[in-house]
Amino acid sequence: MLPAHAFLSAFLTFQTPAPAQPTAPAQSPSAEQSAERAASSAERAAAAAERAAEANARMAEAIESLARGIARTAPPAEQPPAEQKPETPAEKKEEAKKDVWDVTVGLGLIFITGNASTVTFNGLLAAERKSENWIYSVKASGVYGESRPPGLEGEVETVAQVTALNAALQLRGDRRFNEKISGYLLGAADTDHVRSVEFRGAGEAGIGIIWLDEKRKDGGESFLRTDLAFRYAREMRFQYYPIRSNLADVSIGGPRLGVAFRYGISKDVSFLEEFSVLPSLVDDARLLINSQTQLTVRLTKALSIATTFLFQYDSVPAPGKLPTDTSLSVSAAITF
């Protein structure tokens, strides 16, 4: 049997209630609503950010597509015309000729022997070089001719008479101000023994205007240029035929008007006219007119036949000389 105090202690143990467990404080209705609103706002903000990102992506794609469309349709304004590739054969040929010398050499000969004796030789050289800002040209020509009149067999052979003996050289440089207008300097020298001109040197400065410069698809071309300049020349005279004698020298000075016209009838046939008028205002009043008319027919790529008519007028020639000289010649020309 248990003691009384042990029994009492056991009884109190069973009768004492267990301590209450702590519980989470209950949330008020207003706190729950605030949490729900915060969560909903966060969801809406995330959705708005996602939509904004998608809109930005679509806008970037649209801008890129628009840029590609503009690049395809816009003209290549940034490319200079000189870099555009030539398309037609004539344009390709002209492109290949840029900044190089275009040279033409012509030769003509008449030679007769027997009852009469005649020899006439003429030669010409023309060269031109074009660059973006400059045009250089060189022209040279020369003619020699002599003739022995017919005679009877057994007679003393007569002495051949010189019928032509002249040469000329011209150098010209044009500085382009634009496609139409250029300023130029020209130097020239010539001699003509038949006309009693021992030597004539000239200098000229002026303005050239290109009114027409067109190349057609069929290979023909049209070109028109006018020159307005002032020329000064010193002419040293000497009479070679029939009796050699010294003559007084003269000066030439005044405005000169020149016209150069070239027309390609077709790619193989071309017409050229060069005309100039010079009224001299120094020493005696004097008028000089020169004209060269030429028809060229191309036989091959490099070989052509040229028929040239020259007209020269001098209102005050050397004493005893006629004012007008003309010549008609046919020559073969080779272009390099």
C-alpha atoms as a PDB file:
ATOM      1  CA  MET A   1       0.000   0.000   0.000  1.00  0.00           C
ATOM      2  CA  LEU A   2       1.365   3.393  -1.089  1.00  0.00           C
ATOM      3  CA  PRO A   3       2.079   6.124   1.371  1.00  0.00           C
ATOM      4  CA  ALA A   4      -0.417   8.969   1.543  1.00  0.00           C
ATOM      5  CA  HIS A   5       1.887  11.632   0.254  1.00  0.00           C
ATOM      6  CA  ALA A   6       2.812   9.595  -2.892  1.00  0.00           C
ATOM      7  CA  PHE A   7      -0.797   8.946  -3.615  1.00  0.00           C
ATOM      8  CA  LEU A   8      -1.584  12.650  -3.291  1.00  0.00           C
ATOM      9  CA  SER A   9       1.241  13.625  -5.634  1.00  0.00           C
ATOM     10  CA  ALA A  10       0.050  11.238  -8.316  1.00  0.00           C
ATOM     11  CA  PHE A  11      -3.488  12.514  -7.982  1.00  0.00           C
ATOM     12  CA  LEU A  12      -2.388  16.129  -8.496  1.00  0.00           C
ATOM     13  CA  THR A  13      -0.391  15.198 -11.568  1.00  0.00           C
ATOM     14  CA  PHE A  14      -3.362  13.766 -13.373  1.00  0.00           C
ATOM     15  CA  GLN A  15      -5.653  16.597 -12.321  1.00  0.00           C
ATOM     16  CA  THR A  16      -3.421  19.517 -13.474  1.00  0.00           C
ATOM     17  CA  PRO A  17      -4.433  20.645 -17.054  1.00  0.00           C
ATOM     18  CA  ALA A  18      -1.794  20.759 -19.816  1.00  0.00           C
ATOM     19  CA  PRO A  19      -0.450  24.220 -20.728  1.00  0.00           C
ATOM     20  CA  ALA A  20      -2.165  25.836 -23.721  1.00  0.00           C
ATOM     21  CA  GLN A  21      -0.171  25.829 -27.039  1.00  0.00           C
ATOM     22  CA  PRO A  22       0.472  29.314 -28.601  1.00  0.00           C
ATOM     23  CA  THR A  23      -1.617  29.946 -31.724  1.00  0.00           C
ATOM     24  CA  ALA A  24      -0.924  32.293 -34.692  1.00  0.00           C
ATOM     25  CA  PRO A  25      -2.693  35.568 -34.345  1.00  0.00           C
ATOM     26  CA  ALA A  26      -5.694  35.762 -36.604  1.00  0.00           C
ATOM     27  CA  GLN A  27      -5.414  38.245 -39.529  1.00  0.00           C
ATOM     28  CA  SER A  28      -7.935  40.945 -39.829  1.00  0.00           C
ATOM     29  CA  PRO A  29     -10.062  41.174 -43.049  1.00  0.00           C
ATOM     30  CA  SER A  30      -8.403  44.496 -44.069  1.00  0.00           C
ATOM     31  CA  ALA A  31      -4.875  42.974 -44.090  1.00  0.00           C
ATOM     32  CA  GLU A  32      -5.994  40.068 -46.288  1.00  0.00           C
ATOM     33  CA  GLN A  33      -7.499  42.449 -48.869  1.00  0.00           C
ATOM     34  CA  SER A  34      -4.322  44.520 -48.953  1.00  0.00           C
ATOM     35  CA  ALA A  35      -2.236  41.421 -49.632  1.00  0.00           C
ATOM     36  CA  GLU A  36      -4.575  40.339 -52.408  1.00  0.00           C
ATOM     37  CA  ARG A  37      -4.449  43.796 -54.013  1.00  0.00           C
ATOM     38  CA  ALA A  38      -0.631  43.853 -53.832  1.00  0.00           C
ATOM     39  CA  ALA A  39      -0.409  40.426 -55.474  1.00  0.00           C
ATOM     40  CA  SER A  40      -2.875  41.483 -58.199  1.00  0.00           C
ATOM     41  CA  SER A  41      -0.913  44.721 -58.851  1.00  0.00           C
ATOM     42  CA  ALA A  42       2.314  42.752 -59.106  1.00  0.00           C
ATOM     43  CA  GLU A  43       0.701  40.403 -61.642  1.00  0.00           C
ATOM     44  CA  ARG A  44      -0.629  43.320 -63.700  1.00  0.00           C
ATOM     45  CA  ALA A  45       2.796  45.068 -63.614  1.00  0.00           C
ATOM     46  CA  ALA A  46       4.504  41.873 -64.791  1.00  0.00           C
ATOM     47  CA  ALA A  47       1.959  41.476 -67.601  1.00  0.00           C
ATOM     48  CA  ALA A  48       2.387  45.127 -68.662  1.00  0.00           C
ATOM     49  CA  ALA A  49       6.167  44.753 -68.682  1.00  0.00           C
ATOM     50  CA  GLU A  50       5.856  41.643 -70.835  1.00  0.00           C
ATOM     51  CA  ARG A  51       3.528  43.442 -73.281  1.00  0.00           C
ATOM     52  CA  ALA A  52       5.916  46.439 -73.448  1.00  0.00           C
ATOM     53  CA  ALA A  53       8.839  44.130 -74.218  1.00  0.00           C
ATOM     54  CA  GLU A  54       6.823  42.484 -77.002  1.00  0.00           C
ATOM     55  CA  ALA A  55       5.857  45.904 -78.446  1.00  0.00           C
ATOM     56  CA  ASN A  56       9.471  47.060 -78.403  1.00  0.00           C
ATOM     57  CA  ALA A  57      10.523  43.900 -80.229  1.00  0.00           C
ATOM     58  CA  ARG A  58       7.807  44.392 -82.875  1.00  0.00           C
ATOM     59  CA  MET A  59       8.800  48.069 -83.293  1.00  0.00           C
ATOM     60  CA  ALA A  60      12.471  47.114 -83.769  1.00  0.00           C
ATOM     61  CA  GLU A  61      11.483  44.561 -86.415  1.00  0.00           C
ATOM     62  CA  ALA A  62       9.328  47.175 -88.203  1.00  0.00           C
ATOM     63  CA  ILE A  63      12.165  49.741 -88.199  1.00  0.00           C
ATOM     64  CA  GLU A  64      14.600  47.160 -89.569  1.00  0.00           C
ATOM     65  CA  SER A  65      12.152  46.173 -92.338  1.00  0.00           C
ATOM     66  CA  LEU A  66      11.584  49.834 -93.236  1.00  0.00           C
ATOM     67  CA  ALA A  67      15.336  50.456 -93.417  1.00  0.00           C
ATOM     68  CA  ARG A  68      15.772  47.485 -95.742  1.00  0.00           C
ATOM     69  CA  GLY A  69      12.961  48.775 -97.977  1.00  0.00           C
ATOM     70  CA  ILE A  70      14.487  52.257 -98.166  1.00  0.00           C
ATOM     71  CA  ALA A  71      17.888  50.799 -99.008  1.00  0.00           C
ATOM     72  CA  ARG A  72      16.367  48.824-101.878  1.00  0.00           C
ATOM     73  CA  THR A  73      14.361  51.704-103.369  1.00  0.00           C
ATOM     74  CA  ALA A  74      16.574  54.755-102.699  1.00  0.00           C
ATOM     75  CA  PRO A  75      18.885  55.869-105.605  1.00  0.00           C
ATOM     76  CA  PRO A  76      22.622  55.502-104.955  1.00  0.00           C
ATOM     77  CA  ALA A  77      23.114  59.249-104.494  1.00  0.00           C
ATOM     78  CA  GLU A  78      26.295  58.717-102.533  1.00  0.00           C
ATOM     79  CA  GLN A  79      28.040  57.239-105.569  1.00  0.00           C
ATOM     80  CA  PRO A  80      29.587  59.794-107.971  1.00  0.00           C
ATOM     81  CA  PRO A  81      28.642  59.452-111.651  1.00  0.00           C
ATOM     82  CA  ALA A  82      32.248  58.642-112.557  1.00  0.00           C
ATOM     83  CA  GLU A  83      32.017  55.369-110.560  1.00  0.00           C
ATOM     84  CA  GLN A  84      28.977  54.099-112.432  1.00  0.00           C
ATOM     85  CA  LYS A  85      29.899  51.264-114.725  1.00  0.00           C
ATOM     86  CA  PRO A  86      29.468  51.900-118.460  1.00  0.00           C
ATOM     87  CA  GLU A  87      26.775  49.839-120.131  1.00  0.00           C
ATOM     88  CA  THR A  88      26.919  50.267-123.914  1.00  0.00           C
ATOM     89  CA  PRO A  89      30.008  49.395-126.008  1.00  0.00           C
ATOM     90  CA  ALA A  90      30.462  53.078-126.915  1.00  0.00           C
ATOM     91  CA  GLU A  91      30.400  54.070-123.211  1.00  0.00           C
ATOM     92  CA  LYS A  92      32.890  51.309-122.367  1.00  0.00           C
ATOM     93  CA  LYS A  93      35.203  52.517-125.135  1.00  0.00           C
ATOM     94  CA  GLU A  94      34.916  56.122-123.950  1.00  0.00           C
ATOM     95  CA  GLU A  95      35.596  55.043-120.346  1.00  0.00           C
ATOM     96  CA  ALA A  96      38.738  53.201-121.469  1.00  0.00           C
ATOM     97  CA  LYS A  97      39.971  56.340-123.296  1.00  0.00           C
ATOM     98  CA  LYS A  98      39.765  58.611-120.262  1.00  0.00           C
ATOM     99  CA  ASP A  99      43.038  60.218-119.221  1.00  0.00           C
ATOM    100  CA  VAL A 100      45.007  58.599-122.065  1.00  0.00           C
ATOM    101  CA  TRP A 101      46.311  59.984-125.343  1.00  0.00           C
ATOM    102  CA  ASP A 102      44.109  59.458-128.414  1.00  0.00           C
ATOM    103  CA  VAL A 103      46.502  59.666-131.377  1.00  0.00           C
ATOM    104  CA  THR A 104      45.782  59.813-135.129  1.00  0.00           C
ATOM    105  CA  VAL A 105      48.468  59.760-137.819  1.00  0.00           C
ATOM    106  CA  GLY A 106      47.654  60.434-141.480  1.00  0.00           C
ATOM    107  CA  LEU A 107      49.789  60.112-144.613  1.00  0.00           C
ATOM    108  CA  GLY A 108      49.111  60.991-148.255  1.00  0.00           C
ATOM    109  CA  LEU A 109      51.311  60.618-151.343  1.00  0.00           C
ATOM    110  CA  ILE A 110      51.050  61.391-155.070  1.00  0.00           C
ATOM    111  CA  PHE A 111      53.996  60.285-157.194  1.00  0.00           C
ATOM    112  CA  ILE A 112      54.099  60.559-161.014  1.00  0.00           C
ATOM    113  CA  THR A 113      57.032  59.860-163.372  1.00  0.00           C
ATOM    114  CA  GLY A 114      57.406  59.652-167.157  1.00  0.00           C
ATOM    115  CA  ASN A 115      56.393  62.443-169.494  1.00  0.00           C
ATOM    116  CA  ALA A 116      55.765  64.577-166.419  1.00  0.00           C
ATOM    117  CA  SER A 117      57.151  64.353-162.929  1.00  0.00           C
ATOM    118  CA  THR A 118      55.151  65.191-159.842  1.00  0.00           C
ATOM    119  CA  VAL A 119      55.498  64.270-156.198  1.00  0.00           C
ATOM    120  CA  THR A 120      53.299  65.527-153.386  1.00  0.00           C
ATOM    121  CA  PHE A 121      53.546  64.306-149.829  1.00  0.00           C
ATOM    122  CA  ASN A 122      51.466  65.357-146.852  1.00  0.00           C
ATOM    123  CA  GLY A 123      51.370  64.166-143.282  1.00  0.00           C
ATOM    124  CA  LEU A 124      49.429  65.029-140.160  1.00  0.00           C
ATOM    125  CA  LEU A 125      49.436  64.182-136.492  1.00  0.00           C
ATOM    126  CA  ALA A 126      46.619  64.828-134.028  1.00  0.00           C
ATOM    127  CA  ALA A 127      46.692  63.837-130.363  1.00  0.00           C
ATOM    128  CA  GLU A 128      44.287  64.609-127.533  1.00  0.00           C
ATOM    129  CA  ARG A 129      44.141  63.732-123.866  1.00  0.00           C
ATOM    130  CA  LYS A 130      41.201  64.394-121.557  1.00  0.00           C
ATOM    131  CA  SER A 131      41.143  64.299-117.772  1.00  0.00           C
ATOM    132  CA  GLU A 132      38.633  65.497-115.212  1.00  0.00           C
ATOM    133  CA  ASN A 133      39.993  69.062-115.168  1.00  0.00           C
ATOM    134  CA  TRP A 134      42.228  69.375-118.240  1.00  0.00           C
ATOM    135  CA  ILE A 135      42.214  68.824-121.999  1.00  0.00           C
ATOM    136  CA  TYR A 136      45.517  68.694-123.888  1.00  0.00           C
ATOM    137  CA  SER A 137      45.790  68.657-127.676  1.00  0.00           C
ATOM    138  CA  VAL A 138      48.617  68.591-130.208  1.00  0.00           C
ATOM    139  CA  LYS A 139      48.319  69.147-133.961  1.00  0.00           C
ATOM    140  CA  ALA A 140      51.100  68.945-136.523  1.00  0.00           C
ATOM    141  CA  SER A 141      51.027  68.927-140.323  1.00  0.00           C
ATOM    142  CA  GLY A 142      53.386  69.218-143.255  1.00  0.00           C
ATOM    143  CA  VAL A 143      53.177  69.297-147.060  1.00  0.00           C
ATOM    144  CA  TYR A 144      55.874  69.040-149.700  1.00  0.00           C
ATOM    145  CA  GLY A 145      55.319  69.049-153.451  1.00  0.00           C
ATOM    146  CA  GLU A 146      57.311  69.588-156.606  1.00  0.00           C
ATOM    147  CA  SER A 147      56.499  69.236-160.283  1.00  0.00           C
ATOM    148  CA  ARG A 148      58.369  69.128-163.603  1.00  0.00           C
ATOM    149  CA  PRO A 149      56.332  70.167-166.641  1.00  0.00           C
ATOM    150  CA  PRO A 150      56.132  67.718-169.598  1.00  0.00           C
ATOM    151  CA  GLY A 151      58.731  68.006-172.371  1.00  0.00           C
ATOM    152  CA  LEU A 152      59.845  66.293-175.589  1.00  0.00           C
ATOM    153  CA  GLU A 153      62.272  63.411-175.696  1.00  0.00           C
ATOM    154  CA  GLY A 154      65.827  64.589-176.245  1.00  0.00           C
ATOM    155  CA  GLU A 155      65.236  68.082-174.907  1.00  0.00           C
ATOM    156  CA  VAL A 156      67.132  69.327-171.918  1.00  0.00           C
ATOM    157  CA  GLU A 157      65.254  68.286-168.821  1.00  0.00           C
ATOM    158  CA  THR A 158      63.622  71.219-167.136  1.00  0.00           C
ATOM    159  CA  VAL A 159      64.185  71.912-163.453  1.00  0.00           C
ATOM    160  CA  ALA A 160      61.424  70.780-161.109  1.00  0.00           C
ATOM    161  CA  GLN A 161      59.511  73.588-159.448  1.00  0.00           C
ATOM    162  CA  VAL A 162      58.501  73.473-155.789  1.00  0.00           C
ATOM    163  CA  THR A 163      54.722  73.676-155.553  1.00  0.00           C
ATOM    164  CA  ALA A 164      54.289  73.224-151.779  1.00  0.00           C
ATOM    165  CA  LEU A 165      56.563  73.493-148.782  1.00  0.00           C
ATOM    166  CA  ASN A 166      54.910  74.213-145.446  1.00  0.00           C
ATOM    167  CA  ALA A 167      54.639  72.869-141.914  1.00  0.00           C
ATOM    168  CA  ALA A 168      52.662  73.786-138.791  1.00  0.00           C
ATOM    169  CA  LEU A 169      52.606  72.873-135.093  1.00  0.00           C
ATOM    170  CA  GLN A 170      49.972  73.784-132.489  1.00  0.00           C
ATOM    171  CA  LEU A 171      49.845  73.049-128.742  1.00  0.00           C
ATOM    172  CA  ARG A 172      46.737  73.752-126.664  1.00  0.00           C
ATOM    173  CA  GLY A 173      45.790  73.266-123.018  1.00  0.00           C
ATOM    174  CA  ASP A 174      42.244  73.766-121.668  1.00  0.00           C
ATOM    175  CA  ARG A 175      41.441  74.164-117.960  1.00  0.00           C
ATOM    176  CA  ARG A 176      37.852  73.121-117.357  1.00  0.00           C
ATOM    177  CA  PHE A 177      35.756  75.353-115.129  1.00  0.00           C
ATOM    178  CA  ASN A 178      32.755  73.063-115.600  1.00  0.00           C
ATOM    179  CA  GLU A 179      31.432  70.671-118.249  1.00  0.00           C
ATOM    180  CA  LYS A 180      30.672  73.503-120.703  1.00  0.00           C
ATOM    181  CA  ILE A 181      33.229  76.290-120.168  1.00  0.00           C
ATOM    182  CA  SER A 182      37.021  76.201-120.135  1.00  0.00           C
ATOM    183  CA  GLY A 183      39.880  78.667-120.322  1.00  0.00           C
ATOM    184  CA  TYR A 184      42.787  77.818-122.576  1.00  0.00           C
ATOM    185  CA  LEU A 185      46.265  78.807-123.708  1.00  0.00           C
ATOM    186  CA  LEU A 186      47.537  78.062-127.208  1.00  0.00           C
ATOM    187  CA  GLY A 187      50.941  78.237-128.845  1.00  0.00           C
ATOM    188  CA  ALA A 188      51.521  77.826-132.592  1.00  0.00           C
ATOM    189  CA  ALA A 189      54.328  77.970-135.118  1.00  0.00           C
ATOM    190  CA  ASP A 190      54.261  77.545-138.897  1.00  0.00           C
ATOM    191  CA  THR A 191      56.195  78.187-142.086  1.00  0.00           C
ATOM    192  CA  ASP A 192      55.162  78.400-145.750  1.00  0.00           C
ATOM    193  CA  HIS A 193      57.901  79.069-148.278  1.00  0.00           C
ATOM    194  CA  VAL A 194      55.561  79.326-151.259  1.00  0.00           C
ATOM    195  CA  ARG A 195      53.641  82.131-149.551  1.00  0.00           C
ATOM    196  CA  SER A 196      56.909  83.856-148.509  1.00  0.00           C
ATOM    197  CA  VAL A 197      56.394  83.115-144.800  1.00  0.00           C
ATOM    198  CA  GLU A 198      59.747  82.121-143.347  1.00  0.00           C
ATOM    199  CA  PHE A 199      58.466  81.668-139.781  1.00  0.00           C
ATOM    200  CA  ARG A 200      55.389  82.717-137.856  1.00  0.00           C
ATOM    201  CA  GLY A 201      55.042  82.255-134.100  1.00  0.00           C
ATOM    202  CA  ALA A 202      51.744  82.907-132.291  1.00  0.00           C
ATOM    203  CA  GLY A 203      50.318  82.893-128.781  1.00  0.00           C
ATOM    204  CA  GLU A 204      46.648  82.894-127.829  1.00  0.00           C
ATOM    205  CA  ALA A 205      44.518  83.015-124.678  1.00  0.00           C
ATOM    206  CA  GLY A 206      40.772  82.651-124.581  1.00  0.00           C
ATOM    207  CA  ILE A 207      37.598  80.901-123.474  1.00  0.00           C
ATOM    208  CA  GLY A 208      36.084  77.807-125.035  1.00  0.00           C
ATOM    209  CA  ILE A 209      32.377  76.956-124.744  1.00  0.00           C
ATOM    210  CA  ILE A 210      31.068  73.462-125.533  1.00  0.00           C
ATOM    211  CA  TRP A 211      27.492  73.827-126.761  1.00  0.00           C
ATOM    212  CA  LEU A 212      26.951  70.208-127.754  1.00  0.00           C
ATOM    213  CA  ASP A 213      28.733  66.984-126.828  1.00  0.00           C
ATOM    214  CA  GLU A 214      26.569  63.945-127.448  1.00  0.00           C
ATOM    215  CA  LYS A 215      27.393  60.303-128.159  1.00  0.00           C
ATOM    216  CA  ARG A 216      24.612  58.241-129.650  1.00  0.00           C
ATOM    217  CA  LYS A 217      23.908  54.554-129.135  1.00  0.00           C
ATOM    218  CA  ASP A 218      24.699  53.774-132.788  1.00  0.00           C
ATOM    219  CA  GLY A 219      28.300  54.964-132.284  1.00  0.00           C
ATOM    220  CA  GLY A 220      27.886  58.405-133.885  1.00  0.00           C
ATOM    221  CA  GLU A 221      28.522  61.656-132.084  1.00  0.00           C
ATOM    222  CA  SER A 222      27.746  65.366-132.221  1.00  0.00           C
ATOM    223  CA  PHE A 223      30.166  68.023-130.966  1.00  0.00           C
ATOM    224  CA  LEU A 224      30.119  71.825-131.187  1.00  0.00           C
ATOM    225  CA  ARG A 225      32.586  74.214-129.549  1.00  0.00           C
ATOM    226  CA  THR A 226      33.234  77.919-129.993  1.00  0.00           C
ATOM    227  CA  ASP A 227      36.393  79.820-129.020  1.00  0.00           C
ATOM    228  CA  LEU A 228      36.675  83.523-128.250  1.00  0.00           C
ATOM    229  CA  ALA A 229      40.249  84.648-127.726  1.00  0.00           C
ATOM    230  CA  PHE A 230      42.966  87.196-128.407  1.00  0.00           C
ATOM    231  CA  ARG A 231      45.927  86.173-130.575  1.00  0.00           C
ATOM    232  CA  TYR A 232      49.244  87.836-131.244  1.00  0.00           C
ATOM    233  CA  ALA A 233      51.711  86.625-133.894  1.00  0.00           C
ATOM    234  CA  ARG A 234      54.939  87.812-135.420  1.00  0.00           C
ATOM    235  CA  GLU A 235      55.413  86.942-139.089  1.00  0.00           C
ATOM    236  CA  MET A 236      58.923  86.930-140.538  1.00  0.00           C
ATOM    237  CA  ARG A 237      58.794  87.094-144.331  1.00  0.00           C
ATOM    238  CA  PHE A 238      61.264  85.976-146.991  1.00  0.00           C
ATOM    239  CA  GLN A 239      60.648  85.492-150.694  1.00  0.00           C
ATOM    240  CA  TYR A 240      61.939  82.089-151.842  1.00  0.00           C
ATOM    241  CA  TYR A 241      60.370  81.910-155.333  1.00  0.00           C
ATOM    242  CA  PRO A 242      60.995  82.886-158.054  1.00  0.00           C
ATOM    243  CA  ILE A 243      63.885  85.054-156.843  1.00  0.00           C
ATOM    244  CA  ARG A 244      65.158  84.968-153.281  1.00  0.00           C
ATOM    245  CA  SER A 245      64.836  88.315-151.529  1.00  0.00           C
ATOM    246  CA  ASN A 246      64.272  89.636-148.043  1.00  0.00           C
ATOM    247  CA  LEU A 247      60.889  91.148-147.076  1.00  0.00           C
ATOM    248  CA  ALA A 248      59.753  93.312-144.186  1.00  0.00           C
ATOM    249  CA  ASP A 249      58.364  91.485-141.152  1.00  0.00           C
ATOM    250  CA  VAL A 250      54.816  92.174-139.916  1.00  0.00           C
ATOM    251  CA  SER A 251      52.788  91.654-136.740  1.00  0.00           C
ATOM    252  CA  ILE A 252      49.293  90.199-136.323  1.00  0.00           C
ATOM    253  CA  GLY A 253      47.101  90.882-133.312  1.00  0.00           C
ATOM    254  CA  GLY A 254      43.396  90.900-132.584  1.00  0.00           C
ATOM    255  CA  PRO A 255      40.364  88.895-131.437  1.00  0.00           C
ATOM    256  CA  ARG A 256      39.862  85.442-132.893  1.00  0.00           C
ATOM    257  CA  LEU A 257      36.575  83.594-133.239  1.00  0.00           C
ATOM    258  CA  GLY A 258      36.814  79.856-133.792  1.00  0.00           C
ATOM    259  CA  VAL A 259      34.221  77.139-134.357  1.00  0.00           C
ATOM    260  CA  ALA A 260      34.800  73.367-134.223  1.00  0.00           C
ATOM    261  CA  PHE A 261      31.940  71.122-135.338  1.00  0.00           C
ATOM    262  CA  ARG A 262      32.050  67.331-135.555  1.00  0.00           C
ATOM    263  CA  TYR A 263      29.139  65.114-136.548  1.00  0.00           C
ATOM    264  CA  GLY A 264      29.105  61.336-136.762  1.00  0.00           C
ATOM    265  CA  ILE A 265      26.818  60.397-139.624  1.00  0.00           C
ATOM    266  CA  SER A 266      27.219  56.809-138.458  1.00  0.00           C
ATOM    267  CA  LYS A 267      29.744  54.905-136.373  1.00  0.00           C
ATOM    268  CA  ASP A 268      32.009  54.627-139.465  1.00  0.00           C
ATOM    269  CA  VAL A 269      31.448  57.976-141.212  1.00  0.00           C
ATOM    270  CA  SER A 270      32.121  61.373-139.618  1.00  0.00           C
ATOM    271  CA  PHE A 271      32.183  64.989-140.752  1.00  0.00           C
ATOM    272  CA  LEU A 272      34.478  67.692-139.331  1.00  0.00           C
ATOM    273  CA  GLU A 273      34.507  71.468-139.830  1.00  0.00           C
ATOM    274  CA  GLU A 274      36.984  73.865-138.181  1.00  0.00           C
ATOM    275  CA  PHE A 275      36.593  77.547-138.978  1.00  0.00           C
ATOM    276  CA  SER A 276      38.323  80.660-137.622  1.00  0.00           C
ATOM    277  CA  VAL A 277      38.265  84.417-138.301  1.00  0.00           C
ATOM    278  CA  LEU A 278      41.004  86.808-137.136  1.00  0.00           C
ATOM    279  CA  PRO A 279      40.803  90.556-137.859  1.00  0.00           C
ATOM    280  CA  SER A 280      44.250  92.018-137.152  1.00  0.00           C
ATOM    281  CA  LEU A 281      44.247  95.399-135.406  1.00  0.00           C
ATOM    282  CA  VAL A 282      48.015  96.036-135.373  1.00  0.00           C
ATOM    283  CA  ASP A 283      50.166  97.287-138.244  1.00  0.00           C
ATOM    284  CA  ASP A 284      47.968  97.357-141.346  1.00  0.00           C
ATOM    285  CA  ALA A 285      44.322  96.330-141.132  1.00  0.00           C
ATOM    286  CA  ARG A 286      44.212  92.674-142.093  1.00  0.00           C
ATOM    287  CA  LEU A 287      41.707  89.812-142.171  1.00  0.00           C
ATOM    288  CA  LEU A 288      42.675  86.129-141.947  1.00  0.00           C
ATOM    289  CA  ILE A 289      40.181  83.299-142.517  1.00  0.00           C
ATOM    290  CA  ASN A 290      40.964  79.594-142.247  1.00  0.00           C
ATOM    291  CA  SER A 291      38.669  76.650-142.865  1.00  0.00           C
ATOM    292  CA  GLN A 292      39.240  72.902-142.776  1.00  0.00           C
ATOM    293  CA  THR A 293      36.499  70.540-143.957  1.00  0.00           C
ATOM    294  CA  GLN A 294      37.055  66.815-143.584  1.00  0.00           C
ATOM    295  CA  LEU A 295      35.086  63.654-144.296  1.00  0.00           C
ATOM    296  CA  THR A 296      36.408  60.464-142.693  1.00  0.00           C
ATOM    297  CA  VAL A 297      35.358  56.912-143.522  1.00  0.00           C
ATOM    298  CA  ARG A 298      36.488  54.143-141.192  1.00  0.00           C
ATOM    299  CA  LEU A 299      37.584  50.942-142.954  1.00  0.00           C
ATOM    300  CA  THR A 300      38.709  48.938-139.950  1.00  0.00           C
ATOM    301  CA  LYS A 301      38.957  49.553-136.221  1.00  0.00           C
ATOM    302  CA  ALA A 302      42.210  51.500-136.663  1.00  0.00           C
ATOM    303  CA  LEU A 303      42.387  52.415-140.375  1.00  0.00           C
ATOM    304  CA  SER A 304      40.323  55.111-142.089  1.00  0.00           C
ATOM    305  CA  ILE A 305      40.373  57.268-145.228  1.00  0.00           C
ATOM    306  CA  ALA A 306      40.129  61.064-144.838  1.00  0.00           C
ATOM    307  CA  THR A 307      39.312  63.605-147.532  1.00  0.00           C
ATOM    308  CA  THR A 308      40.309  67.131-146.508  1.00  0.00           C
ATOM    309  CA  PHE A 309      39.605  70.513-148.089  1.00  0.00           C
ATOM    310  CA  LEU A 310      41.601  73.529-146.845  1.00  0.00           C
ATOM    311  CA  PHE A 311      40.717  77.162-147.446  1.00  0.00           C
ATOM    312  CA  GLN A 312      43.069  80.003-146.447  1.00  0.00           C
ATOM    313  CA  TYR A 313      42.446  83.695-146.999  1.00  0.00           C
ATOM    314  CA  ASP A 314      44.798  86.578-146.183  1.00  0.00           C
ATOM    315  CA  SER A 315      43.625  90.035-147.144  1.00  0.00           C
ATOM    316  CA  VAL A 316      47.202  91.429-147.037  1.00  0.00           C
ATOM    317  CA  PRO A 317      49.573  88.652-148.192  1.00  0.00           C
ATOM    318  CA  ALA A 318      53.264  89.038-148.919  1.00  0.00           C
ATOM    319  CA  PRO A 319      54.047  91.224-151.963  1.00  0.00           C
ATOM    320  CA  GLY A 320      53.288  89.438-155.230  1.00  0.00           C
ATOM    321  CA  LYS A 321      51.221  86.654-153.613  1.00  0.00           C
ATOM    322  CA  LEU A 322      47.535  85.865-154.114  1.00  0.00           C
ATOM    323  CA  PRO A 323      45.216  86.264-151.108  1.00  0.00           C
ATOM    324  CA  THR A 324      43.491  82.862-151.398  1.00  0.00           C
ATOM    325  CA  ASP A 325      44.912  79.316-151.270  1.00  0.00           C
ATOM    326  CA  THR A 326      42.940  76.059-151.407  1.00  0.00           C
ATOM    327  CA  SER A 327      43.905  72.397-151.366  1.00  0.00           C
ATOM    328  CA  LEU A 328      42.093  69.070-151.625  1.00  0.00           C
ATOM    329  CA  SER A 329      43.816  65.930-150.381  1.00  0.00           C
ATOM    330  CA  VAL A 330      43.060  62.298-149.613  1.00  0.00           C
ATOM    331  CA  SER A 331      45.061  60.467-146.956  1.00  0.00           C
ATOM    332  CA  ALA A 332      45.031  57.282-144.957  1.00  0.00           C
ATOM    333  CA  ALA A 333      44.765  57.731-141.189  1.00  0.00           C
ATOM    334  CA  ILE A 334      45.655  55.329-138.403  1.00  0.00           C
ATOM    335  CA  THR A 335      44.202  55.781-134.914  1.00  0.00           C
ATOM    336  CA  PHE A 336      46.028  54.476-131.842  1.00  0.00           C
END
